[in-house]
Amino acid sequence: MTIFCMALIVSVAGCALPQAIDVSLQPHEDSAQLELLVKHIHQKVNEHRVSQNLAELKLDSRISRVARRHSAAMAQGVMSFNHHGFQSRARTIRKFLAYRAVAENLAYNRGGAAPASTAMGSWLRSNSHRDAIEGRYQLTGIGIAKSKEGRYYFTQMFVLPLR
């Protein structure tokens, strides 16, 4: 099984996503399954944070919509697996939430029976991904999409609000 991950903690230059991304559920995606995967990632991240004496992250549906859009773009092949457009995603979040810091973790895998656990495990084995998970953030958004070929794309964003 191949697992790929990327973490971004500092702002990088990036291009905006085309507006034609269809973030709605694709015929090959199961909404209940994707929702369970989001809950699983959120739970595992918070379990790890608590084990490090850190506060749990609150899942924010608005941030999750931004993350879902990026995962959908990668799953649909509109964008390759990368952080391009990160600044655009950060600006979108800033439209509804003033923040001090924002970070992003990405992963994709075929996952077998446990794609969320596979992504989480790879993030925790990577210093840069673990830094984002253990950062001073208070909010998170998680977006997951599945390609026609069965590959799962994960985008998790971390936000430290101004207040």
Protein backbone atom coordinates (compact mmCIF):
# COMPACT_ATOMS: atom_id res chain seq x y z
CA MET A 1 0.00 0.00 0.00
CA THR A 2 1.40 3.40 -0.95
CA ILE A 3 0.97 6.32 1.41
CA PHE A 4 1.85 9.90 0.58
CA CYS A 5 1.72 12.83 2.96
CA MET A 6 2.56 16.51 2.89
CA ALA A 7 2.53 19.10 5.67
CA LEU A 8 2.51 22.86 5.41
CA ILE A 9 2.91 25.00 8.48
CA VAL A 10 4.17 28.25 7.02
CA SER A 11 2.49 30.17 4.25
CA VAL A 12 3.73 29.39 0.76
CA ALA A 13 2.90 30.93 -2.56
CA GLY A 14 0.24 29.06 -4.44
CA CYS A 15 -2.31 29.44 -7.15
CA ALA A 16 -6.04 29.49 -6.58
CA LEU A 17 -8.16 26.49 -7.42
CA PRO A 18 -10.37 26.71 -10.47
CA GLN A 19 -13.93 27.59 -9.49
CA ALA A 20 -15.31 24.60 -11.44
CA ILE A 21 -14.43 22.06 -8.74
CA ASP A 22 -17.46 19.95 -7.94
CA VAL A 23 -17.33 19.54 -4.17
CA SER A 24 -20.59 17.64 -4.07
CA LEU A 25 -20.48 13.92 -3.48
CA GLN A 26 -19.40 11.99 -6.55
CA PRO A 27 -21.32 8.83 -7.56
CA HIS A 28 -18.49 6.58 -6.31
CA GLU A 29 -18.34 8.29 -2.88
CA ASP A 30 -20.33 7.16 0.15
CA SER A 31 -21.28 10.14 2.34
CA ALA A 32 -21.71 8.04 5.47
CA GLN A 33 -18.29 6.47 5.00
CA LEU A 34 -16.59 9.84 4.40
CA GLU A 35 -18.32 11.29 7.47
CA LEU A 36 -17.06 8.38 9.58
CA LEU A 37 -13.53 8.91 8.24
CA VAL A 38 -13.69 12.60 9.19
CA LYS A 39 -14.88 11.68 12.70
CA HIS A 40 -12.14 9.09 12.99
CA ILE A 41 -9.38 11.53 12.00
CA HIS A 42 -10.78 14.17 14.37
CA GLN A 43 -10.97 11.66 17.23
CA LYS A 44 -7.44 10.31 16.63
CA VAL A 45 -5.95 13.81 16.39
CA ASN A 46 -7.60 14.78 19.67
CA GLU A 47 -6.53 11.55 21.37
CA HIS A 48 -2.96 12.31 20.36
CA ARG A 49 -3.22 15.91 21.53
CA VAL A 50 -4.61 14.86 24.92
CA SER A 51 -1.76 12.34 25.27
CA GLN A 52 0.61 15.32 24.83
CA ASN A 53 -1.29 17.43 27.41
CA LEU A 54 -2.70 19.66 24.66
CA ALA A 55 -6.26 20.92 24.34
CA GLU A 56 -8.57 19.15 21.91
CA LEU A 57 -9.31 20.79 18.57
CA LYS A 58 -12.88 21.80 17.78
CA LEU A 59 -14.07 20.63 14.36
CA ASP A 60 -15.36 23.61 12.37
CA SER A 61 -17.70 22.81 9.47
CA ARG A 62 -16.71 25.98 7.58
CA ILE A 63 -13.03 25.03 7.64
CA SER A 64 -14.00 21.47 6.69
CA ARG A 65 -15.75 22.80 3.55
CA VAL A 66 -12.52 24.56 2.53
CA ALA A 67 -10.56 21.35 3.15
CA ARG A 68 -13.13 19.21 1.28
CA ARG A 69 -12.80 21.44 -1.77
CA HIS A 70 -9.05 20.83 -1.92
CA SER A 71 -9.44 17.07 -1.40
CA ALA A 72 -12.13 16.95 -4.11
CA ALA A 73 -9.85 18.78 -6.55
CA MET A 74 -7.09 16.25 -5.98
CA ALA A 75 -9.47 13.25 -6.13
CA GLN A 76 -11.01 14.51 -9.38
CA GLY A 77 -7.57 15.03 -10.95
CA VAL A 78 -8.09 18.78 -11.36
CA MET A 79 -5.06 19.33 -9.14
CA SER A 80 -2.15 17.07 -8.34
CA PHE A 81 -1.35 16.09 -4.79
CA ASN A 82 0.21 19.26 -3.38
CA HIS A 83 -0.29 22.39 -1.32
CA HIS A 84 -0.85 24.67 -4.32
CA GLY A 85 -3.56 27.14 -3.49
CA PHE A 86 -2.80 27.10 0.25
CA GLN A 87 -2.80 30.91 0.46
CA SER A 88 -6.14 30.97 -1.33
CA ARG A 89 -7.57 28.49 1.19
CA ALA A 90 -6.15 30.58 4.03
CA ARG A 91 -7.76 33.74 2.55
CA THR A 92 -11.09 31.91 2.25
CA ILE A 93 -10.92 31.00 5.93
CA ARG A 94 -10.00 34.59 6.82
CA LYS A 95 -13.27 35.75 5.21
CA PHE A 96 -15.24 34.09 8.01
CA LEU A 97 -12.63 33.75 10.77
CA ALA A 98 -9.80 36.07 11.79
CA TYR A 99 -6.76 33.98 12.72
CA ARG A 100 -3.16 34.18 13.87
CA ALA A 101 -1.94 31.01 12.22
CA VAL A 102 -3.08 28.31 9.84
CA ALA A 103 -1.46 25.02 8.79
CA GLU A 104 -2.37 22.11 6.56
CA ASN A 105 -1.66 18.37 6.42
CA LEU A 106 -2.34 16.30 3.31
CA ALA A 107 -2.35 12.57 2.72
CA TYR A 108 -3.59 10.08 0.17
CA ASN A 109 -3.74 6.33 0.17
CA ARG A 110 -5.76 3.37 -0.93
CA GLY A 111 -6.12 2.67 2.77
CA GLY A 112 -7.49 -0.83 2.62
CA ALA A 113 -9.96 -1.27 5.44
CA ALA A 114 -8.70 1.73 7.43
CA PRO A 115 -7.77 4.71 5.23
CA ALA A 116 -8.09 7.25 8.08
CA SER A 117 -5.88 5.21 10.41
CA THR A 118 -3.35 4.83 7.61
CA ALA A 119 -3.24 8.60 7.04
CA MET A 120 -3.07 9.32 10.79
CA GLY A 121 -0.24 6.85 11.30
CA SER A 122 1.82 8.39 8.53
CA TRP A 123 1.20 11.91 9.88
CA LEU A 124 2.35 10.93 13.36
CA ARG A 125 5.55 9.35 11.99
CA SER A 126 6.45 12.63 10.23
CA ASN A 127 7.92 15.51 12.25
CA SER A 128 6.32 18.24 10.14
CA HIS A 129 2.87 16.61 10.24
CA ARG A 130 3.12 15.94 13.96
CA ASP A 131 4.16 19.60 14.47
CA ALA A 132 0.90 20.70 12.86
CA ILE A 133 -1.14 18.22 14.90
CA GLU A 134 0.57 19.35 18.11
CA GLY A 135 0.55 23.06 17.28
CA ARG A 136 -1.12 25.83 19.27
CA TYR A 137 -4.23 25.54 17.11
CA GLN A 138 -7.76 25.52 18.50
CA LEU A 139 -9.85 24.69 15.43
CA THR A 140 -9.59 22.16 12.66
CA GLY A 141 -11.34 21.32 9.43
CA ILE A 142 -11.12 17.94 7.72
CA GLY A 143 -12.05 17.23 4.13
CA ILE A 144 -11.87 13.79 2.55
CA ALA A 145 -12.64 12.79 -1.01
CA LYS A 146 -12.36 9.50 -2.87
CA SER A 147 -11.19 9.16 -6.46
CA LYS A 148 -12.86 6.87 -8.98
CA GLU A 149 -9.80 4.64 -8.64
CA GLY A 150 -10.42 4.21 -4.90
CA ARG A 151 -7.74 6.54 -3.59
CA TYR A 152 -8.65 8.64 -0.52
CA TYR A 153 -7.44 12.25 -0.32
CA PHE A 154 -7.22 13.89 3.08
CA THR A 155 -6.85 17.60 3.81
CA GLN A 156 -6.72 18.70 7.42
CA MET A 157 -6.44 22.38 8.22
CA PHE A 158 -5.47 23.76 11.61
CA VAL A 159 -6.41 27.29 12.72
CA LEU A 160 -5.47 29.47 15.68
CA PRO A 161 -8.15 32.19 15.90
CA LEU A 162 -7.24 35.74 16.90
CA ARG A 163 -9.30 35.61 20.07
